[in-house]
């Protein structure tokens, strides 16, 4: 069987993604699924705040907590 560079790159990317997910789940980007198809932006701020609060509690002993704590500077 001949070496396929595309398959090799795909395996490496998949492996890296799995390692990133296992090593630091607090830095993963959440996937939102809307229950209401007419207004997918509904409650996004609330959802993000809840996720950020959970991440802040989970990473309480982190060396750089300012990277994951929510800011209140009116971004939304």
PDB file of N, CA and C in Angstrom:
ATOM      1  N   UNK A   1       0.838  -1.179   0.000  1.00  0.00           N
ATOM      2  CA  UNK A   1       0.000   0.000   0.000  1.00  0.00           C
ATOM      3  C   UNK A   1       0.882   1.241   0.000  1.00  0.00           C
ATOM      4  N   UNK A   2       0.551   2.190  -0.831  1.00  0.00           N
ATOM      5  CA  UNK A   2       1.343   3.418  -0.947  1.00  0.00           C
ATOM      6  C   UNK A   2       0.934   4.432   0.112  1.00  0.00           C
ATOM      7  N   UNK A   3       1.867   5.269   0.476  1.00  0.00           N
ATOM      8  CA  UNK A   3       1.621   6.310   1.476  1.00  0.00           C
ATOM      9  C   UNK A   3       0.742   7.407   0.882  1.00  0.00           C
ATOM     10  N   UNK A   4      -0.322   7.743   1.571  1.00  0.00           N
ATOM     11  CA  UNK A   4      -1.215   8.810   1.126  1.00  0.00           C
ATOM     12  C   UNK A   4      -1.015  10.013   2.046  1.00  0.00           C
ATOM     13  N   UNK A   5      -0.386  11.095   1.562  1.00  0.00           N
ATOM     14  CA  UNK A   5      -0.105  12.241   2.437  1.00  0.00           C
ATOM     15  C   UNK A   5      -1.361  12.925   2.974  1.00  0.00           C
ATOM     16  N   UNK A   6      -2.444  12.903   2.223  1.00  0.00           N
ATOM     17  CA  UNK A   6      -3.682  13.537   2.696  1.00  0.00           C
ATOM     18  C   UNK A   6      -4.221  12.781   3.907  1.00  0.00           C
ATOM     19  N   UNK A   7      -4.253  11.468   3.833  1.00  0.00           N
ATOM     20  CA  UNK A   7      -4.721  10.674   4.969  1.00  0.00           C
ATOM     21  C   UNK A   7      -3.816  10.870   6.180  1.00  0.00           C
ATOM     22  N   UNK A   8      -2.541  10.966   5.935  1.00  0.00           N
ATOM     23  CA  UNK A   8      -1.593  11.166   7.020  1.00  0.00           C
ATOM     24  C   UNK A   8      -1.844  12.499   7.734  1.00  0.00           C
ATOM     25  N   UNK A   9      -2.062  13.547   6.959  1.00  0.00           N
ATOM     26  CA  UNK A   9      -2.326  14.873   7.538  1.00  0.00           C
ATOM     27  C   UNK A   9      -3.643  14.857   8.303  1.00  0.00           C
ATOM     28  N   UNK A  10      -4.664  14.214   7.754  1.00  0.00           N
ATOM     29  CA  UNK A  10      -5.956  14.130   8.440  1.00  0.00           C
ATOM     30  C   UNK A  10      -5.821  13.415   9.779  1.00  0.00           C
ATOM     31  N   UNK A  11      -5.060  12.309   9.789  1.00  0.00           N
ATOM     32  CA  UNK A  11      -4.851  11.583  11.049  1.00  0.00           C
ATOM     33  C   UNK A  11      -4.130  12.452  12.068  1.00  0.00           C
ATOM     34  N   UNK A  12      -3.129  13.207  11.617  1.00  0.00           N
ATOM     35  CA  UNK A  12      -2.396  14.088  12.535  1.00  0.00           C
ATOM     36  C   UNK A  12      -3.295  15.175  13.106  1.00  0.00           C
ATOM     37  N   UNK A  13      -4.108  15.786  12.251  1.00  0.00           N
ATOM     38  CA  UNK A  13      -5.022  16.836  12.712  1.00  0.00           C
ATOM     39  C   UNK A  13      -6.013  16.260  13.721  1.00  0.00           C
ATOM     40  N   UNK A  14      -6.578  15.110  13.406  1.00  0.00           N
ATOM     41  CA  UNK A  14      -7.539  14.480  14.311  1.00  0.00           C
ATOM     42  C   UNK A  14      -6.883  14.146  15.652  1.00  0.00           C
ATOM     43  N   UNK A  15      -5.667  13.631  15.587  1.00  0.00           N
ATOM     44  CA  UNK A  15      -4.933  13.299  16.799  1.00  0.00           C
ATOM     45  C   UNK A  15      -4.662  14.548  17.636  1.00  0.00           C
ATOM     46  N   UNK A  16      -4.255  15.630  16.982  1.00  0.00           N
ATOM     47  CA  UNK A  16      -3.998  16.886  17.698  1.00  0.00           C
ATOM     48  C   UNK A  16      -5.264  17.437  18.333  1.00  0.00           C
ATOM     49  N   UNK A  17      -6.379  17.358  17.627  1.00  0.00           N
ATOM     50  CA  UNK A  17      -7.638  17.839  18.183  1.00  0.00           C
ATOM     51  C   UNK A  17      -8.046  17.033  19.401  1.00  0.00           C
ATOM     52  N   UNK A  18      -7.850  15.728  19.334  1.00  0.00           N
ATOM     53  CA  UNK A  18      -8.196  14.876  20.476  1.00  0.00           C
ATOM     54  C   UNK A  18      -7.300  15.193  21.675  1.00  0.00           C
ATOM     55  N   UNK A  19      -6.027  15.406  21.426  1.00  0.00           N
ATOM     56  CA  UNK A  19      -5.105  15.741  22.512  1.00  0.00           C
ATOM     57  C   UNK A  19      -5.458  17.089  23.139  1.00  0.00           C
ATOM     58  N   UNK A  20      -5.811  18.071  22.314  1.00  0.00           N
ATOM     59  CA  UNK A  20      -6.204  19.380  22.824  1.00  0.00           C
ATOM     60  C   UNK A  20      -7.459  19.274  23.671  1.00  0.00           C
ATOM     61  N   UNK A  21      -8.401  18.484  23.216  1.00  0.00           N
ATOM     62  CA  UNK A  21      -9.661  18.335  23.935  1.00  0.00           C
ATOM     63  C   UNK A  21      -9.439  17.663  25.288  1.00  0.00           C
ATOM     64  N   UNK A  22      -8.573  16.682  25.333  1.00  0.00           N
ATOM     65  CA  UNK A  22      -8.311  15.957  26.573  1.00  0.00           C
ATOM     66  C   UNK A  22      -7.470  16.810  27.518  1.00  0.00           C
ATOM     67  N   UNK A  23      -6.497  17.527  26.975  1.00  0.00           N
ATOM     68  CA  UNK A  23      -5.559  18.246  27.830  1.00  0.00           C
ATOM     69  C   UNK A  23      -6.160  19.485  28.475  1.00  0.00           C
ATOM     70  N   UNK A  24      -7.016  20.229  27.790  1.00  0.00           N
ATOM     71  CA  UNK A  24      -7.554  21.453  28.354  1.00  0.00           C
ATOM     72  C   UNK A  24      -8.965  21.723  27.850  1.00  0.00           C
ATOM     73  N   UNK A  25      -9.974  21.062  28.412  1.00  0.00           N
ATOM     74  CA  UNK A  25     -11.338  21.253  27.934  1.00  0.00           C
ATOM     75  C   UNK A  25     -11.880  22.657  28.207  1.00  0.00           C
ATOM     76  N   UNK A  26     -11.277  23.406  29.138  1.00  0.00           N
ATOM     77  CA  UNK A  26     -11.777  24.749  29.449  1.00  0.00           C
ATOM     78  C   UNK A  26     -11.541  25.720  28.309  1.00  0.00           C
ATOM     79  N   UNK A  27     -10.603  25.434  27.420  1.00  0.00           N
ATOM     80  CA  UNK A  27     -10.314  26.338  26.313  1.00  0.00           C
ATOM     81  C   UNK A  27     -11.026  25.946  25.024  1.00  0.00           C
ATOM     82  N   UNK A  28     -11.873  24.930  25.059  1.00  0.00           N
ATOM     83  CA  UNK A  28     -12.591  24.521  23.860  1.00  0.00           C
ATOM     84  C   UNK A  28     -13.705  25.511  23.551  1.00  0.00           C
ATOM     85  N   UNK A  29     -13.980  25.706  22.290  1.00  0.00           N
ATOM     86  CA  UNK A  29     -15.058  26.600  21.867  1.00  0.00           C
ATOM     87  C   UNK A  29     -16.371  25.825  21.943  1.00  0.00           C
ATOM     88  N   UNK A  30     -17.347  26.356  22.692  1.00  0.00           N
ATOM     89  CA  UNK A  30     -18.615  25.632  22.824  1.00  0.00           C
ATOM     90  C   UNK A  30     -19.406  25.657  21.521  1.00  0.00           C
ATOM     91  N   UNK A  31     -20.173  24.601  21.288  1.00  0.00           N
ATOM     92  CA  UNK A  31     -21.049  24.532  20.125  1.00  0.00           C
ATOM     93  C   UNK A  31     -22.471  24.781  20.610  1.00  0.00           C
ATOM     94  N   UNK A  32     -23.098  25.781  20.028  1.00  0.00           N
ATOM     95  CA  UNK A  32     -24.458  26.124  20.420  1.00  0.00           C
ATOM     96  C   UNK A  32     -25.453  25.508  19.460  1.00  0.00           C
ATOM     97  N   UNK A  33     -26.519  24.969  20.023  1.00  0.00           N
ATOM     98  CA  UNK A  33     -27.600  24.450  19.208  1.00  0.00           C
ATOM     99  C   UNK A  33     -28.863  25.165  19.639  1.00  0.00           C
ATOM    100  N   UNK A  34     -29.462  25.855  18.702  1.00  0.00           N
ATOM    101  CA  UNK A  34     -30.642  26.637  19.012  1.00  0.00           C
ATOM    102  C   UNK A  34     -31.893  25.760  18.995  1.00  0.00           C
ATOM    103  N   UNK A  35     -32.739  25.942  19.971  1.00  0.00           N
ATOM    104  CA  UNK A  35     -34.014  25.236  20.017  1.00  0.00           C
ATOM    105  C   UNK A  35     -35.052  25.975  19.163  1.00  0.00           C
ATOM    106  N   UNK A  36     -34.838  27.276  18.987  1.00  0.00           N
ATOM    107  CA  UNK A  36     -35.784  28.099  18.255  1.00  0.00           C
ATOM    108  C   UNK A  36     -35.137  28.527  16.946  1.00  0.00           C
ATOM    109  N   UNK A  37     -35.636  28.016  15.830  1.00  0.00           N
ATOM    110  CA  UNK A  37     -35.015  28.288  14.538  1.00  0.00           C
ATOM    111  C   UNK A  37     -35.291  29.708  14.049  1.00  0.00           C
ATOM    112  N   UNK A  38     -36.318  30.363  14.580  1.00  0.00           N
ATOM    113  CA  UNK A  38     -36.640  31.708  14.118  1.00  0.00           C
ATOM    114  C   UNK A  38     -35.721  32.749  14.732  1.00  0.00           C
ATOM    115  N   UNK A  39     -35.216  32.508  15.931  1.00  0.00           N
ATOM    116  CA  UNK A  39     -34.308  33.474  16.558  1.00  0.00           C
ATOM    117  C   UNK A  39     -33.135  32.737  17.185  1.00  0.00           C
ATOM    118  N   UNK A  40     -32.136  32.378  16.376  1.00  0.00           N
ATOM    119  CA  UNK A  40     -31.002  31.616  16.908  1.00  0.00           C
ATOM    120  C   UNK A  40     -30.128  32.396  17.876  1.00  0.00           C
ATOM    121  N   UNK A  41     -30.271  33.734  17.912  1.00  0.00           N
ATOM    122  CA  UNK A  41     -29.457  34.552  18.812  1.00  0.00           C
ATOM    123  C   UNK A  41     -30.074  34.667  20.210  1.00  0.00           C
ATOM    124  N   UNK A  42     -31.199  34.069  20.422  1.00  0.00           N
ATOM    125  CA  UNK A  42     -31.910  34.181  21.691  1.00  0.00           C
ATOM    126  C   UNK A  42     -31.086  33.594  22.834  1.00  0.00           C
ATOM    127  N   UNK A  43     -30.918  34.364  23.886  1.00  0.00           N
ATOM    128  CA  UNK A  43     -30.233  33.938  25.112  1.00  0.00           C
ATOM    129  C   UNK A  43     -28.759  33.582  24.922  1.00  0.00           C
ATOM    130  N   UNK A  44     -28.115  34.080  23.886  1.00  0.00           N
ATOM    131  CA  UNK A  44     -26.692  33.751  23.667  1.00  0.00           C
ATOM    132  C   UNK A  44     -25.840  34.349  24.788  1.00  0.00           C
ATOM    133  N   UNK A  45     -26.154  35.584  25.187  1.00  0.00           N
ATOM    134  CA  UNK A  45     -25.362  36.209  26.248  1.00  0.00           C
ATOM    135  C   UNK A  45     -25.475  35.402  27.532  1.00  0.00           C
ATOM    136  N   UNK A  46     -26.677  34.971  27.858  1.00  0.00           N
ATOM    137  CA  UNK A  46     -26.892  34.169  29.069  1.00  0.00           C
ATOM    138  C   UNK A  46     -26.126  32.846  28.979  1.00  0.00           C
ATOM    139  N   UNK A  47     -26.188  32.188  27.828  1.00  0.00           N
ATOM    140  CA  UNK A  47     -25.479  30.920  27.649  1.00  0.00           C
ATOM    141  C   UNK A  47     -23.979  31.104  27.805  1.00  0.00           C
ATOM    142  N   UNK A  48     -23.429  32.146  27.185  1.00  0.00           N
ATOM    143  CA  UNK A  48     -21.997  32.398  27.279  1.00  0.00           C
ATOM    144  C   UNK A  48     -21.582  32.708  28.716  1.00  0.00           C
ATOM    145  N   UNK A  49     -22.394  33.494  29.415  1.00  0.00           N
ATOM    146  CA  UNK A  49     -22.068  33.814  30.807  1.00  0.00           C
ATOM    147  C   UNK A  49     -22.054  32.563  31.668  1.00  0.00           C
ATOM    148  N   UNK A  50     -23.018  31.671  31.454  1.00  0.00           N
ATOM    149  CA  UNK A  50     -23.060  30.423  32.220  1.00  0.00           C
ATOM    150  C   UNK A  50     -21.830  29.565  31.935  1.00  0.00           C
ATOM    151  N   UNK A  51     -21.456  29.465  30.672  1.00  0.00           N
ATOM    152  CA  UNK A  51     -20.282  28.662  30.310  1.00  0.00           C
ATOM    153  C   UNK A  51     -19.022  29.261  30.913  1.00  0.00           C
ATOM    154  N   UNK A  52     -18.901  30.575  30.847  1.00  0.00           N
ATOM    155  CA  UNK A  52     -17.717  31.226  31.405  1.00  0.00           C
ATOM    156  C   UNK A  52     -17.652  31.065  32.924  1.00  0.00           C
ATOM    157  N   UNK A  53     -18.804  31.128  33.578  1.00  0.00           N
ATOM    158  CA  UNK A  53     -18.823  30.911  35.029  1.00  0.00           C
ATOM    159  C   UNK A  53     -18.360  29.493  35.365  1.00  0.00           C
ATOM    160  N   UNK A  54     -18.854  28.519  34.619  1.00  0.00           N
ATOM    161  CA  UNK A  54     -18.450  27.132  34.869  1.00  0.00           C
ATOM    162  C   UNK A  54     -16.959  26.955  34.645  1.00  0.00           C
ATOM    163  N   UNK A  55     -16.434  27.571  33.590  1.00  0.00           N
ATOM    164  CA  UNK A  55     -15.002  27.456  33.306  1.00  0.00           C
ATOM    165  C   UNK A  55     -14.182  28.133  34.385  1.00  0.00           C
ATOM    166  N   UNK A  56     -14.665  29.258  34.889  1.00  0.00           N
ATOM    167  CA  UNK A  56     -13.941  29.976  35.932  1.00  0.00           C
ATOM    168  C   UNK A  56     -13.865  29.123  37.196  1.00  0.00           C
ATOM    169  N   UNK A  57     -14.989  28.492  37.555  1.00  0.00           N
ATOM    170  CA  UNK A  57     -14.990  27.647  38.741  1.00  0.00           C
ATOM    171  C   UNK A  57     -14.096  26.432  38.545  1.00  0.00           C
ATOM    172  N   UNK A  58     -14.138  25.843  37.338  1.00  0.00           N
ATOM    173  CA  UNK A  58     -13.372  24.638  37.065  1.00  0.00           C
ATOM    174  C   UNK A  58     -11.877  24.908  37.089  1.00  0.00           C
ATOM    175  N   UNK A  59     -11.487  26.065  36.625  1.00  0.00           N
ATOM    176  CA  UNK A  59     -10.057  26.352  36.515  1.00  0.00           C
ATOM    177  C   UNK A  59      -9.602  27.238  37.653  1.00  0.00           C
ATOM    178  N   UNK A  60     -10.232  27.152  38.806  1.00  0.00           N
ATOM    179  CA  UNK A  60      -9.882  28.024  39.940  1.00  0.00           C
ATOM    180  C   UNK A  60      -8.433  27.867  40.326  1.00  0.00           C
ATOM    181  N   UNK A  61      -7.481  27.664  40.306  1.00  0.00           N
ATOM    182  CA  UNK A  61      -6.106  27.416  40.603  1.00  0.00           C
ATOM    183  C   UNK A  61      -5.259  27.545  39.373  1.00  0.00           C
ATOM    184  N   UNK A  62      -5.807  28.058  38.331  1.00  0.00           N
ATOM    185  CA  UNK A  62      -5.040  28.221  37.100  1.00  0.00           C
ATOM    186  C   UNK A  62      -4.022  29.340  37.254  1.00  0.00           C
ATOM    187  N   UNK A  63      -2.958  29.292  36.484  1.00  0.00           N
ATOM    188  CA  UNK A  63      -1.919  30.308  36.580  1.00  0.00           C
ATOM    189  C   UNK A  63      -2.356  31.626  35.965  1.00  0.00           C
ATOM    190  N   UNK A  64      -3.338  31.602  35.064  1.00  0.00           N
ATOM    191  CA  UNK A  64      -3.789  32.849  34.450  1.00  0.00           C
ATOM    192  C   UNK A  64      -5.318  32.892  34.393  1.00  0.00           C
ATOM    193  N   UNK A  65      -5.974  33.109  35.525  1.00  0.00           N
ATOM    194  CA  UNK A  65      -7.437  33.093  35.542  1.00  0.00           C
ATOM    195  C   UNK A  65      -8.044  34.255  34.764  1.00  0.00           C
ATOM    196  N   UNK A  66      -7.277  35.338  34.526  1.00  0.00           N
ATOM    197  CA  UNK A  66      -7.844  36.472  33.798  1.00  0.00           C
ATOM    198  C   UNK A  66      -8.156  36.135  32.346  1.00  0.00           C
ATOM    199  N   UNK A  67      -7.626  35.048  31.832  1.00  0.00           N
ATOM    200  CA  UNK A  67      -7.896  34.677  30.445  1.00  0.00           C
ATOM    201  C   UNK A  67      -9.274  34.055  30.275  1.00  0.00           C
ATOM    202  N   UNK A  68      -9.851  33.509  31.348  1.00  0.00           N
ATOM    203  CA  UNK A  68     -11.110  32.809  31.204  1.00  0.00           C
ATOM    204  C   UNK A  68     -12.237  33.403  32.028  1.00  0.00           C
ATOM    205  N   UNK A  69     -11.990  34.475  32.738  1.00  0.00           N
ATOM    206  CA  UNK A  69     -13.056  35.089  33.500  1.00  0.00           C
ATOM    207  C   UNK A  69     -13.830  36.035  32.595  1.00  0.00           C
ATOM    208  N   UNK A  70     -15.149  36.114  32.772  1.00  0.00           N
ATOM    209  CA  UNK A  70     -15.949  36.996  31.914  1.00  0.00           C
ATOM    210  C   UNK A  70     -15.674  38.464  32.216  1.00  0.00           C
ATOM    211  N   UNK A  71     -15.686  39.268  31.170  1.00  0.00           N
ATOM    212  CA  UNK A  71     -15.476  40.703  31.328  1.00  0.00           C
ATOM    213  C   UNK A  71     -16.825  41.393  31.267  1.00  0.00           C
ATOM    214  N   UNK A  72     -16.948  42.509  31.937  1.00  0.00           N
ATOM    215  CA  UNK A  72     -18.210  43.256  31.904  1.00  0.00           C
ATOM    216  C   UNK A  72     -17.962  44.621  31.263  1.00  0.00           C
ATOM    217  N   UNK A  73     -17.424  44.630  30.065  1.00  0.00           N
ATOM    218  CA  UNK A  73     -17.145  45.899  29.401  1.00  0.00           C
ATOM    219  C   UNK A  73     -18.105  46.158  28.245  1.00  0.00           C
ATOM    220  N   UNK A  74     -19.264  45.507  28.269  1.00  0.00           N
ATOM    221  CA  UNK A  74     -20.277  45.769  27.260  1.00  0.00           C
ATOM    222  C   UNK A  74     -19.933  45.220  25.889  1.00  0.00           C
ATOM    223  N   UNK A  75     -19.285  44.072  25.820  1.00  0.00           N
ATOM    224  CA  UNK A  75     -18.940  43.484  24.533  1.00  0.00           C
ATOM    225  C   UNK A  75     -20.205  43.091  23.792  1.00  0.00           C
ATOM    226  N   UNK A  76     -21.226  42.649  24.532  1.00  0.00           N
ATOM    227  CA  UNK A  76     -22.449  42.182  23.882  1.00  0.00           C
ATOM    228  C   UNK A  76     -23.342  43.349  23.666  1.00  0.00           C
TER     229      UNK A  76
END
